[in-house]
Every structure is written in C-alpha cells, then in structure tokens.
C-alpha cells in the first residue's frame, strides 16, 4: 500500500519500534501524503503522538485530502489526542478539502 515501516509500526501502536525507527531516520510519510503523526492521531495512539511531536513532527502537515493530525483525531473521536495537539499548537481553524454537503 505504499507504507513505510514507520507508518506500519505507528498504525499498530508499536511505540518501541516507532522510537527505534525514528532514531534510525525512518521516513515519516507514505505515498498517500499521510505521515506518521496523522496516522497516530487518527488511531488514538497518544504516546506515539507525543513521541513524534518530541521528535519534531510538524503539526501543520496535511495529507492529500488536506487532513492534519488534528482533523484525523477529531474525525475518529480521539479526545485525548485532540487535546494534546491543541496544547502543542495545532490550528483548530484549518479545513480539509472534503465537503460532505456538496
């Protein structure tokens, strides 16, 4: 599916593997414009989101549909992750490219 080892580890919530891969300079994105932070936020992996932010992940990065980590976390009801991202400076006014009412 075009995913890196880091994206797969994030998706499955393997924090130790994520940390190891980050130390080795793993690529944080996939072929669909998603990055590790967006995936972790959407899955609700709070500890991994913290780890990625501490490693310098960019809160403003969006995927091909305009989704940021904050949008992904909000979509899937991950309130603790939404709160963390907002505390770290995520832009709550950013909008994606999808409209369900058009």
PDB file of N, CA and C in Angstrom:
ATOM      1  N   UNK A   1       0.801  -1.197   0.000  1.00  0.00           N
ATOM      2  CA  UNK A   1       0.000   0.000   0.000  1.00  0.00           C
ATOM      3  C   UNK A   1       0.839   1.254   0.000  1.00  0.00           C
ATOM      4  N   UNK A   2       2.128   1.132  -0.129  1.00  0.00           N
ATOM      5  CA  UNK A   2       2.968   2.305  -0.144  1.00  0.00           C
ATOM      6  C   UNK A   2       3.363   2.810   1.230  1.00  0.00           C
ATOM      7  N   UNK A   3       3.209   1.985   2.261  1.00  0.00           N
ATOM      8  CA  UNK A   3       3.539   2.417   3.614  1.00  0.00           C
ATOM      9  C   UNK A   3       4.965   2.045   3.988  1.00  0.00           C
ATOM     10  N   UNK A   4       5.579   2.908   4.774  1.00  0.00           N
ATOM     11  CA  UNK A   4       6.917   2.649   5.286  1.00  0.00           C
ATOM     12  C   UNK A   4       6.820   1.791   6.548  1.00  0.00           C
ATOM     13  N   UNK A   5       7.959   1.294   6.987  1.00  0.00           N
ATOM     14  CA  UNK A   5       7.999   0.530   8.238  1.00  0.00           C
ATOM     15  C   UNK A   5       7.512   1.391   9.404  1.00  0.00           C
ATOM     16  N   UNK A   6       7.857   2.669   9.383  1.00  0.00           N
ATOM     17  CA  UNK A   6       7.414   3.557  10.456  1.00  0.00           C
ATOM     18  C   UNK A   6       5.894   3.699  10.466  1.00  0.00           C
ATOM     19  N   UNK A   7       5.289   3.906   9.313  1.00  0.00           N
ATOM     20  CA  UNK A   7       3.826   4.028   9.238  1.00  0.00           C
ATOM     21  C   UNK A   7       3.161   2.749   9.746  1.00  0.00           C
ATOM     22  N   UNK A   8       3.695   1.595   9.366  1.00  0.00           N
ATOM     23  CA  UNK A   8       3.126   0.320   9.831  1.00  0.00           C
ATOM     24  C   UNK A   8       3.239   0.186  11.345  1.00  0.00           C
ATOM     25  N   UNK A   9       4.391   0.549  11.905  1.00  0.00           N
ATOM     26  CA  UNK A   9       4.571   0.469  13.356  1.00  0.00           C
ATOM     27  C   UNK A   9       3.626   1.429  14.077  1.00  0.00           C
ATOM     28  N   UNK A  10       3.457   2.615  13.519  1.00  0.00           N
ATOM     29  CA  UNK A  10       2.529   3.588  14.102  1.00  0.00           C
ATOM     30  C   UNK A  10       1.111   3.047  14.054  1.00  0.00           C
ATOM     31  N   UNK A  11       0.709   2.541  12.904  1.00  0.00           N
ATOM     32  CA  UNK A  11      -0.657   2.020  12.730  1.00  0.00           C
ATOM     33  C   UNK A  11      -0.978   0.956  13.779  1.00  0.00           C
ATOM     34  N   UNK A  12      -0.008   0.101  14.067  1.00  0.00           N
ATOM     35  CA  UNK A  12      -0.225  -0.993  15.016  1.00  0.00           C
ATOM     36  C   UNK A  12       0.036  -0.595  16.464  1.00  0.00           C
ATOM     37  N   UNK A  13       0.484   0.643  16.686  1.00  0.00           N
ATOM     38  CA  UNK A  13       0.701   1.116  18.050  1.00  0.00           C
ATOM     39  C   UNK A  13       1.956   0.586  18.715  1.00  0.00           C
ATOM     40  N   UNK A  14       2.957   0.246  17.932  1.00  0.00           N
ATOM     41  CA  UNK A  14       4.202  -0.311  18.461  1.00  0.00           C
ATOM     42  C   UNK A  14       5.184   0.807  18.802  1.00  0.00           C
ATOM     43  N   UNK A  15       5.011   1.383  19.984  1.00  0.00           N
ATOM     44  CA  UNK A  15       5.773   2.557  20.395  1.00  0.00           C
ATOM     45  C   UNK A  15       7.285   2.306  20.412  1.00  0.00           C
ATOM     46  N   UNK A  16       7.708   1.156  20.913  1.00  0.00           N
ATOM     47  CA  UNK A  16       9.141   0.855  20.970  1.00  0.00           C
ATOM     48  C   UNK A  16       9.748   0.788  19.573  1.00  0.00           C
ATOM     49  N   UNK A  17       9.026   0.188  18.645  1.00  0.00           N
ATOM     50  CA  UNK A  17       9.510   0.089  17.267  1.00  0.00           C
ATOM     51  C   UNK A  17       9.538   1.471  16.625  1.00  0.00           C
ATOM     52  N   UNK A  18       8.514   2.273  16.879  1.00  0.00           N
ATOM     53  CA  UNK A  18       8.480   3.643  16.349  1.00  0.00           C
ATOM     54  C   UNK A  18       9.704   4.411  16.830  1.00  0.00           C
ATOM     55  N   UNK A  19       9.984   4.317  18.120  1.00  0.00           N
ATOM     56  CA  UNK A  19      11.135   5.026  18.678  1.00  0.00           C
ATOM     57  C   UNK A  19      12.439   4.571  18.023  1.00  0.00           C
ATOM     58  N   UNK A  20      12.603   3.277  17.854  1.00  0.00           N
ATOM     59  CA  UNK A  20      13.802   2.734  17.213  1.00  0.00           C
ATOM     60  C   UNK A  20      13.934   3.230  15.774  1.00  0.00           C
ATOM     61  N   UNK A  21      12.846   3.176  15.024  1.00  0.00           N
ATOM     62  CA  UNK A  21      12.881   3.617  13.632  1.00  0.00           C
ATOM     63  C   UNK A  21      13.171   5.110  13.520  1.00  0.00           C
ATOM     64  N   UNK A  22      12.617   5.908  14.416  1.00  0.00           N
ATOM     65  CA  UNK A  22      12.898   7.346  14.404  1.00  0.00           C
ATOM     66  C   UNK A  22      14.378   7.613  14.649  1.00  0.00           C
ATOM     67  N   UNK A  23      14.963   6.868  15.573  1.00  0.00           N
ATOM     68  CA  UNK A  23      16.392   7.031  15.859  1.00  0.00           C
ATOM     69  C   UNK A  23      17.250   6.702  14.643  1.00  0.00           C
ATOM     70  N   UNK A  24      16.745   5.829  13.779  1.00  0.00           N
ATOM     71  CA  UNK A  24      17.481   5.429  12.578  1.00  0.00           C
ATOM     72  C   UNK A  24      17.115   6.280  11.362  1.00  0.00           C
ATOM     73  N   UNK A  25      16.308   7.327  11.573  1.00  0.00           N
ATOM     74  CA  UNK A  25      15.984   8.246  10.492  1.00  0.00           C
ATOM     75  C   UNK A  25      14.903   7.777   9.544  1.00  0.00           C
ATOM     76  N   UNK A  26      13.950   7.004  10.038  1.00  0.00           N
ATOM     77  CA  UNK A  26      12.879   6.465   9.193  1.00  0.00           C
ATOM     78  C   UNK A  26      12.066   7.570   8.532  1.00  0.00           C
ATOM     79  N   UNK A  27      11.586   7.283   7.330  1.00  0.00           N
ATOM     80  CA  UNK A  27      10.742   8.202   6.569  1.00  0.00           C
ATOM     81  C   UNK A  27       9.361   8.250   7.213  1.00  0.00           C
ATOM     82  N   UNK A  28       8.886   9.442   7.601  1.00  0.00           N
ATOM     83  CA  UNK A  28       7.608   9.531   8.304  1.00  0.00           C
ATOM     84  C   UNK A  28       6.375   9.612   7.410  1.00  0.00           C
ATOM     85  N   UNK A  29       6.522   9.475   6.091  1.00  0.00           N
ATOM     86  CA  UNK A  29       5.357   9.641   5.210  1.00  0.00           C
ATOM     87  C   UNK A  29       5.128   8.422   4.335  1.00  0.00           C
ATOM     88  N   UNK A  30       3.949   8.374   3.694  1.00  0.00           N
ATOM     89  CA  UNK A  30       3.669   7.307   2.734  1.00  0.00           C
ATOM     90  C   UNK A  30       3.249   7.904   1.403  1.00  0.00           C
ATOM     91  N   UNK A  31       2.903   7.068   0.451  1.00  0.00           N
ATOM     92  CA  UNK A  31       2.591   7.514  -0.904  1.00  0.00           C
ATOM     93  C   UNK A  31       1.283   8.292  -1.011  1.00  0.00           C
ATOM     94  N   UNK A  32       0.494   8.319   0.055  1.00  0.00           N
ATOM     95  CA  UNK A  32      -0.802   8.994   0.012  1.00  0.00           C
ATOM     96  C   UNK A  32      -0.766  10.342   0.720  1.00  0.00           C
ATOM     97  N   UNK A  33       0.424  10.782   1.085  1.00  0.00           N
ATOM     98  CA  UNK A  33       0.557  12.059   1.757  1.00  0.00           C
ATOM     99  C   UNK A  33       0.333  11.994   3.253  1.00  0.00           C
ATOM    100  N   UNK A  34      -0.041  10.821   3.759  1.00  0.00           N
ATOM    101  CA  UNK A  34      -0.167  10.687   5.210  1.00  0.00           C
ATOM    102  C   UNK A  34       1.224  10.662   5.817  1.00  0.00           C
ATOM    103  N   UNK A  35       1.308  11.121   7.038  1.00  0.00           N
ATOM    104  CA  UNK A  35       2.563  10.966   7.750  1.00  0.00           C
ATOM    105  C   UNK A  35       2.283  10.248   9.061  1.00  0.00           C
ATOM    106  N   UNK A  36       3.350   9.912   9.756  1.00  0.00           N
ATOM    107  CA  UNK A  36       3.214   9.133  10.982  1.00  0.00           C
ATOM    108  C   UNK A  36       2.336   9.841  12.011  1.00  0.00           C
ATOM    109  N   UNK A  37       2.438  11.164  12.088  1.00  0.00           N
ATOM    110  CA  UNK A  37       1.635  11.904  13.062  1.00  0.00           C
ATOM    111  C   UNK A  37       0.147  11.823  12.742  1.00  0.00           C
ATOM    112  N   UNK A  38      -0.219  11.954  11.478  1.00  0.00           N
ATOM    113  CA  UNK A  38      -1.628  11.863  11.081  1.00  0.00           C
ATOM    114  C   UNK A  38      -2.180  10.476  11.400  1.00  0.00           C
ATOM    115  N   UNK A  39      -1.409   9.444  11.088  1.00  0.00           N
ATOM    116  CA  UNK A  39      -1.849   8.070  11.348  1.00  0.00           C
ATOM    117  C   UNK A  39      -1.986   7.829  12.855  1.00  0.00           C
ATOM    118  N   UNK A  40      -0.980   8.227  13.621  1.00  0.00           N
ATOM    119  CA  UNK A  40      -1.024   8.026  15.075  1.00  0.00           C
ATOM    120  C   UNK A  40      -2.194   8.768  15.703  1.00  0.00           C
ATOM    121  N   UNK A  41      -2.436   9.981  15.254  1.00  0.00           N
ATOM    122  CA  UNK A  41      -3.539  10.776  15.802  1.00  0.00           C
ATOM    123  C   UNK A  41      -4.883  10.137  15.488  1.00  0.00           C
ATOM    124  N   UNK A  42      -5.065   9.697  14.258  1.00  0.00           N
ATOM    125  CA  UNK A  42      -6.316   9.066  13.853  1.00  0.00           C
ATOM    126  C   UNK A  42      -6.581   7.754  14.569  1.00  0.00           C
ATOM    127  N   UNK A  43      -5.514   7.056  14.918  1.00  0.00           N
ATOM    128  CA  UNK A  43      -5.653   5.793  15.642  1.00  0.00           C
ATOM    129  C   UNK A  43      -5.765   5.989  17.149  1.00  0.00           C
ATOM    130  N   UNK A  44      -5.500   7.205  17.602  1.00  0.00           N
ATOM    131  CA  UNK A  44      -5.584   7.482  19.035  1.00  0.00           C
ATOM    132  C   UNK A  44      -4.390   7.004  19.834  1.00  0.00           C
ATOM    133  N   UNK A  45      -3.253   6.854  19.188  1.00  0.00           N
ATOM    134  CA  UNK A  45      -2.041   6.393  19.873  1.00  0.00           C
ATOM    135  C   UNK A  45      -1.339   7.584  20.534  1.00  0.00           C
ATOM    136  N   UNK A  46      -1.840   7.956  21.691  1.00  0.00           N
ATOM    137  CA  UNK A  46      -1.395   9.151  22.412  1.00  0.00           C
ATOM    138  C   UNK A  46       0.120   9.164  22.620  1.00  0.00           C
ATOM    139  N   UNK A  47       0.678   8.065  23.134  1.00  0.00           N
ATOM    140  CA  UNK A  47       2.114   8.017  23.424  1.00  0.00           C
ATOM    141  C   UNK A  47       2.946   8.187  22.158  1.00  0.00           C
ATOM    142  N   UNK A  48       2.483   7.618  21.066  1.00  0.00           N
ATOM    143  CA  UNK A  48       3.214   7.754  19.806  1.00  0.00           C
ATOM    144  C   UNK A  48       3.104   9.182  19.285  1.00  0.00           C
ATOM    145  N   UNK A  49       1.945   9.798  19.433  1.00  0.00           N
ATOM    146  CA  UNK A  49       1.798  11.203  19.037  1.00  0.00           C
ATOM    147  C   UNK A  49       2.797  12.056  19.817  1.00  0.00           C
ATOM    148  N   UNK A  50       2.885  11.842  21.125  1.00  0.00           N
ATOM    149  CA  UNK A  50       3.856  12.584  21.941  1.00  0.00           C
ATOM    150  C   UNK A  50       5.276  12.347  21.458  1.00  0.00           C
ATOM    151  N   UNK A  51       5.608  11.103  21.194  1.00  0.00           N
ATOM    152  CA  UNK A  51       6.940  10.746  20.725  1.00  0.00           C
ATOM    153  C   UNK A  51       7.263  11.456  19.411  1.00  0.00           C
ATOM    154  N   UNK A  52       6.330  11.435  18.480  1.00  0.00           N
ATOM    155  CA  UNK A  52       6.542  12.081  17.183  1.00  0.00           C
ATOM    156  C   UNK A  52       6.682  13.594  17.326  1.00  0.00           C
ATOM    157  N   UNK A  53       5.872  14.193  18.182  1.00  0.00           N
ATOM    158  CA  UNK A  53       5.985  15.636  18.411  1.00  0.00           C
ATOM    159  C   UNK A  53       7.331  15.984  19.034  1.00  0.00           C
ATOM    160  N   UNK A  54       7.771  15.173  19.981  1.00  0.00           N
ATOM    161  CA  UNK A  54       9.076  15.396  20.602  1.00  0.00           C
ATOM    162  C   UNK A  54      10.212  15.218  19.602  1.00  0.00           C
ATOM    163  N   UNK A  55       9.963  14.427  18.564  1.00  0.00           N
ATOM    164  CA  UNK A  55      10.962  14.197  17.515  1.00  0.00           C
ATOM    165  C   UNK A  55      10.906  15.286  16.436  1.00  0.00           C
ATOM    166  N   UNK A  56       9.980  16.224  16.574  1.00  0.00           N
ATOM    167  CA  UNK A  56       9.919  17.339  15.634  1.00  0.00           C
ATOM    168  C   UNK A  56       8.859  17.247  14.561  1.00  0.00           C
ATOM    169  N   UNK A  57       7.879  16.361  14.726  1.00  0.00           N
ATOM    170  CA  UNK A  57       6.803  16.249  13.732  1.00  0.00           C
ATOM    171  C   UNK A  57       6.091  17.591  13.584  1.00  0.00           C
ATOM    172  N   UNK A  58       5.723  17.923  12.348  1.00  0.00           N
ATOM    173  CA  UNK A  58       5.086  19.202  12.027  1.00  0.00           C
ATOM    174  C   UNK A  58       3.571  19.084  12.144  1.00  0.00           C
ATOM    175  N   UNK A  59       2.992  19.840  13.060  1.00  0.00           N
ATOM    176  CA  UNK A  59       1.544  19.823  13.286  1.00  0.00           C
ATOM    177  C   UNK A  59       0.745  20.308  12.087  1.00  0.00           C
ATOM    178  N   UNK A  60       1.350  21.127  11.245  1.00  0.00           N
ATOM    179  CA  UNK A  60       0.604  21.728  10.137  1.00  0.00           C
ATOM    180  C   UNK A  60       0.619  20.892   8.863  1.00  0.00           C
ATOM    181  N   UNK A  61       1.397  19.813   8.845  1.00  0.00           N
ATOM    182  CA  UNK A  61       1.454  18.975   7.653  1.00  0.00           C
ATOM    183  C   UNK A  61       0.103  18.321   7.401  1.00  0.00           C
ATOM    184  N   UNK A  62      -0.332  18.359   6.141  1.00  0.00           N
ATOM    185  CA  UNK A  62      -1.613  17.766   5.749  1.00  0.00           C
ATOM    186  C   UNK A  62      -1.389  16.697   4.687  1.00  0.00           C
ATOM    187  N   UNK A  63      -2.298  15.729   4.625  1.00  0.00           N
ATOM    188  CA  UNK A  63      -2.212  14.691   3.596  1.00  0.00           C
ATOM    189  C   UNK A  63      -2.844  15.187   2.296  1.00  0.00           C
ATOM    190  N   UNK A  64      -2.995  14.292   1.335  1.00  0.00           N
ATOM    191  CA  UNK A  64      -3.506  14.664   0.015  1.00  0.00           C
ATOM    192  C   UNK A  64      -4.929  15.217   0.042  1.00  0.00           C
ATOM    193  N   UNK A  65      -5.686  14.914   1.086  1.00  0.00           N
ATOM    194  CA  UNK A  65      -7.057  15.422   1.218  1.00  0.00           C
ATOM    195  C   UNK A  65      -7.138  16.655   2.114  1.00  0.00           C
ATOM    196  N   UNK A  66      -5.983  17.117   2.583  1.00  0.00           N
ATOM    197  CA  UNK A  66      -5.950  18.288   3.445  1.00  0.00           C
ATOM    198  C   UNK A  66      -6.114  17.990   4.917  1.00  0.00           C
ATOM    199  N   UNK A  67      -6.132  16.711   5.282  1.00  0.00           N
ATOM    200  CA  UNK A  67      -6.277  16.340   6.693  1.00  0.00           C
ATOM    201  C   UNK A  67      -4.964  16.543   7.446  1.00  0.00           C
ATOM    202  N   UNK A  68      -5.055  17.187   8.584  1.00  0.00           N
ATOM    203  CA  UNK A  68      -3.939  17.283   9.512  1.00  0.00           C
ATOM    204  C   UNK A  68      -4.134  16.236  10.604  1.00  0.00           C
ATOM    205  N   UNK A  69      -3.160  16.137  11.490  1.00  0.00           N
ATOM    206  CA  UNK A  69      -3.299  15.221  12.625  1.00  0.00           C
ATOM    207  C   UNK A  69      -4.517  15.591  13.474  1.00  0.00           C
ATOM    208  N   UNK A  70      -4.758  16.883  13.637  1.00  0.00           N
ATOM    209  CA  UNK A  70      -5.908  17.322  14.429  1.00  0.00           C
ATOM    210  C   UNK A  70      -7.221  16.886  13.787  1.00  0.00           C
ATOM    211  N   UNK A  71      -7.339  17.031  12.489  1.00  0.00           N
ATOM    212  CA  UNK A  71      -8.562  16.603  11.800  1.00  0.00           C
ATOM    213  C   UNK A  71      -8.750  15.095  11.937  1.00  0.00           C
ATOM    214  N   UNK A  72      -7.668  14.331  11.784  1.00  0.00           N
ATOM    215  CA  UNK A  72      -7.765  12.872  11.903  1.00  0.00           C
ATOM    216  C   UNK A  72      -8.221  12.469  13.303  1.00  0.00           C
ATOM    217  N   UNK A  73      -7.632  13.077  14.320  1.00  0.00           N
ATOM    218  CA  UNK A  73      -8.014  12.748  15.697  1.00  0.00           C
ATOM    219  C   UNK A  73      -9.456  13.153  15.980  1.00  0.00           C
ATOM    220  N   UNK A  74      -9.858  14.307  15.485  1.00  0.00           N
ATOM    221  CA  UNK A  74     -11.231  14.775  15.700  1.00  0.00           C
ATOM    222  C   UNK A  74     -12.233  13.868  14.995  1.00  0.00           C
ATOM    223  N   UNK A  75     -11.920  13.457  13.768  1.00  0.00           N
ATOM    224  CA  UNK A  75     -12.825  12.598  12.995  1.00  0.00           C
ATOM    225  C   UNK A  75     -13.121  11.299  13.730  1.00  0.00           C
ATOM    226  N   UNK A  76     -12.111  10.729  14.346  1.00  0.00           N
ATOM    227  CA  UNK A  76     -12.276   9.421  14.980  1.00  0.00           C
ATOM    228  C   UNK A  76     -12.528   9.517  16.480  1.00  0.00           C
ATOM    229  N   UNK A  77     -12.794  10.721  16.980  1.00  0.00           N
ATOM    230  CA  UNK A  77     -13.198  10.886  18.377  1.00  0.00           C
ATOM    231  C   UNK A  77     -12.107  10.638  19.393  1.00  0.00           C
ATOM    232  N   UNK A  78     -10.894  10.935  19.049  1.00  0.00           N
ATOM    233  CA  UNK A  78      -9.759  10.711  19.949  1.00  0.00           C
ATOM    234  C   UNK A  78      -9.511  11.975  20.774  1.00  0.00           C
ATOM    235  N   UNK A  79     -10.381  12.209  21.757  1.00  0.00           N
ATOM    236  CA  UNK A  79     -10.396  13.465  22.517  1.00  0.00           C
ATOM    237  C   UNK A  79      -9.070  13.767  23.211  1.00  0.00           C
ATOM    238  N   UNK A  80      -8.442  12.744  23.794  1.00  0.00           N
ATOM    239  CA  UNK A  80      -7.174  12.995  24.480  1.00  0.00           C
ATOM    240  C   UNK A  80      -6.105  13.458  23.503  1.00  0.00           C
ATOM    241  N   UNK A  81      -6.098  12.899  22.303  1.00  0.00           N
ATOM    242  CA  UNK A  81      -5.129  13.302  21.287  1.00  0.00           C
ATOM    243  C   UNK A  81      -5.463  14.699  20.766  1.00  0.00           C
ATOM    244  N   UNK A  82      -6.747  14.991  20.565  1.00  0.00           N
ATOM    245  CA  UNK A  82      -7.158  16.340  20.148  1.00  0.00           C
ATOM    246  C   UNK A  82      -6.656  17.359  21.162  1.00  0.00           C
ATOM    247  N   UNK A  83      -6.868  17.079  22.433  1.00  0.00           N
ATOM    248  CA  UNK A  83      -6.425  17.997  23.487  1.00  0.00           C
ATOM    249  C   UNK A  83      -4.913  18.204  23.442  1.00  0.00           C
ATOM    250  N   UNK A  84      -4.157  17.125  23.292  1.00  0.00           N
ATOM    251  CA  UNK A  84      -2.699  17.216  23.213  1.00  0.00           C
ATOM    252  C   UNK A  84      -2.268  18.064  22.018  1.00  0.00           C
ATOM    253  N   UNK A  85      -2.845  17.797  20.858  1.00  0.00           N
ATOM    254  CA  UNK A  85      -2.465  18.536  19.654  1.00  0.00           C
ATOM    255  C   UNK A  85      -2.783  20.022  19.792  1.00  0.00           C
ATOM    256  N   UNK A  86      -3.919  20.337  20.382  1.00  0.00           N
ATOM    257  CA  UNK A  86      -4.267  21.746  20.602  1.00  0.00           C
ATOM    258  C   UNK A  86      -3.286  22.410  21.568  1.00  0.00           C
ATOM    259  N   UNK A  87      -2.913  21.700  22.629  1.00  0.00           N
ATOM    260  CA  UNK A  87      -1.934  22.238  23.584  1.00  0.00           C
ATOM    261  C   UNK A  87      -0.588  22.492  22.923  1.00  0.00           C
ATOM    262  N   UNK A  88      -0.255  21.671  21.937  1.00  0.00           N
ATOM    263  CA  UNK A  88       1.024  21.803  21.236  1.00  0.00           C
ATOM    264  C   UNK A  88       0.967  22.830  20.109  1.00  0.00           C
ATOM    265  N   UNK A  89      -0.224  23.408  19.872  1.00  0.00           N
ATOM    266  CA  UNK A  89      -0.318  24.484  18.891  1.00  0.00           C
ATOM    267  C   UNK A  89      -0.979  24.153  17.574  1.00  0.00           C
ATOM    268  N   UNK A  90      -1.676  23.033  17.488  1.00  0.00           N
ATOM    269  CA  UNK A  90      -2.389  22.695  16.248  1.00  0.00           C
ATOM    270  C   UNK A  90      -3.441  23.757  15.953  1.00  0.00           C
ATOM    271  N   UNK A  91      -3.637  24.036  14.677  1.00  0.00           N
ATOM    272  CA  UNK A  91      -4.572  25.077  14.233  1.00  0.00           C
ATOM    273  C   UNK A  91      -5.989  24.513  14.138  1.00  0.00           C
ATOM    274  N   UNK A  92      -6.879  24.909  15.054  1.00  0.00           N
ATOM    275  CA  UNK A  92      -8.242  24.369  15.018  1.00  0.00           C
ATOM    276  C   UNK A  92      -9.091  24.933  13.880  1.00  0.00           C
ATOM    277  N   UNK A  93      -8.600  25.945  13.192  1.00  0.00           N
ATOM    278  CA  UNK A  93      -9.384  26.531  12.100  1.00  0.00           C
ATOM    279  C   UNK A  93      -9.002  25.981  10.725  1.00  0.00           C
ATOM    280  N   UNK A  94      -7.982  25.112  10.672  1.00  0.00           N
ATOM    281  CA  UNK A  94      -7.594  24.512   9.385  1.00  0.00           C
ATOM    282  C   UNK A  94      -8.731  23.638   8.868  1.00  0.00           C
ATOM    283  N   UNK A  95      -9.008  23.725   7.585  1.00  0.00           N
ATOM    284  CA  UNK A  95     -10.041  22.859   6.998  1.00  0.00           C
ATOM    285  C   UNK A  95      -9.426  22.013   5.897  1.00  0.00           C
ATOM    286  N   UNK A  96     -10.000  20.825   5.703  1.00  0.00           N
ATOM    287  CA  UNK A  96      -9.508  19.927   4.660  1.00  0.00           C
ATOM    288  C   UNK A  96     -10.217  20.214   3.343  1.00  0.00           C
ATOM    289  N   UNK A  97      -9.985  19.361   2.355  1.00  0.00           N
ATOM    290  CA  UNK A  97     -10.541  19.555   1.015  1.00  0.00           C
ATOM    291  C   UNK A  97     -11.818  18.757   0.781  1.00  0.00           C
ATOM    292  N   UNK A  98     -12.397  18.205   1.841  1.00  0.00           N
ATOM    293  CA  UNK A  98     -13.563  17.339   1.707  1.00  0.00           C
ATOM    294  C   UNK A  98     -14.796  18.051   2.252  1.00  0.00           C
ATOM    295  N   UNK A  99     -15.868  18.032   1.478  1.00  0.00           N
ATOM    296  CA  UNK A  99     -17.136  18.580   1.943  1.00  0.00           C
ATOM    297  C   UNK A  99     -18.212  17.531   1.717  1.00  0.00           C
ATOM    298  N   UNK A 100     -18.878  17.143   2.778  1.00  0.00           N
ATOM    299  CA  UNK A 100     -19.905  16.110   2.678  1.00  0.00           C
ATOM    300  C   UNK A 100     -21.265  16.685   2.297  1.00  0.00           C
ATOM    301  N   UNK A 101     -21.322  17.990   2.126  1.00  0.00           N
ATOM    302  CA  UNK A 101     -22.598  18.642   1.846  1.00  0.00           C
ATOM    303  C   UNK A 101     -22.671  19.241   0.449  1.00  0.00           C
ATOM    304  N   UNK A 102     -21.666  18.973  -0.385  1.00  0.00           N
ATOM    305  CA  UNK A 102     -21.683  19.474  -1.770  1.00  0.00           C
ATOM    306  C   UNK A 102     -22.417  18.536  -2.687  1.00  0.00           C
TER     307      UNK A 102
END
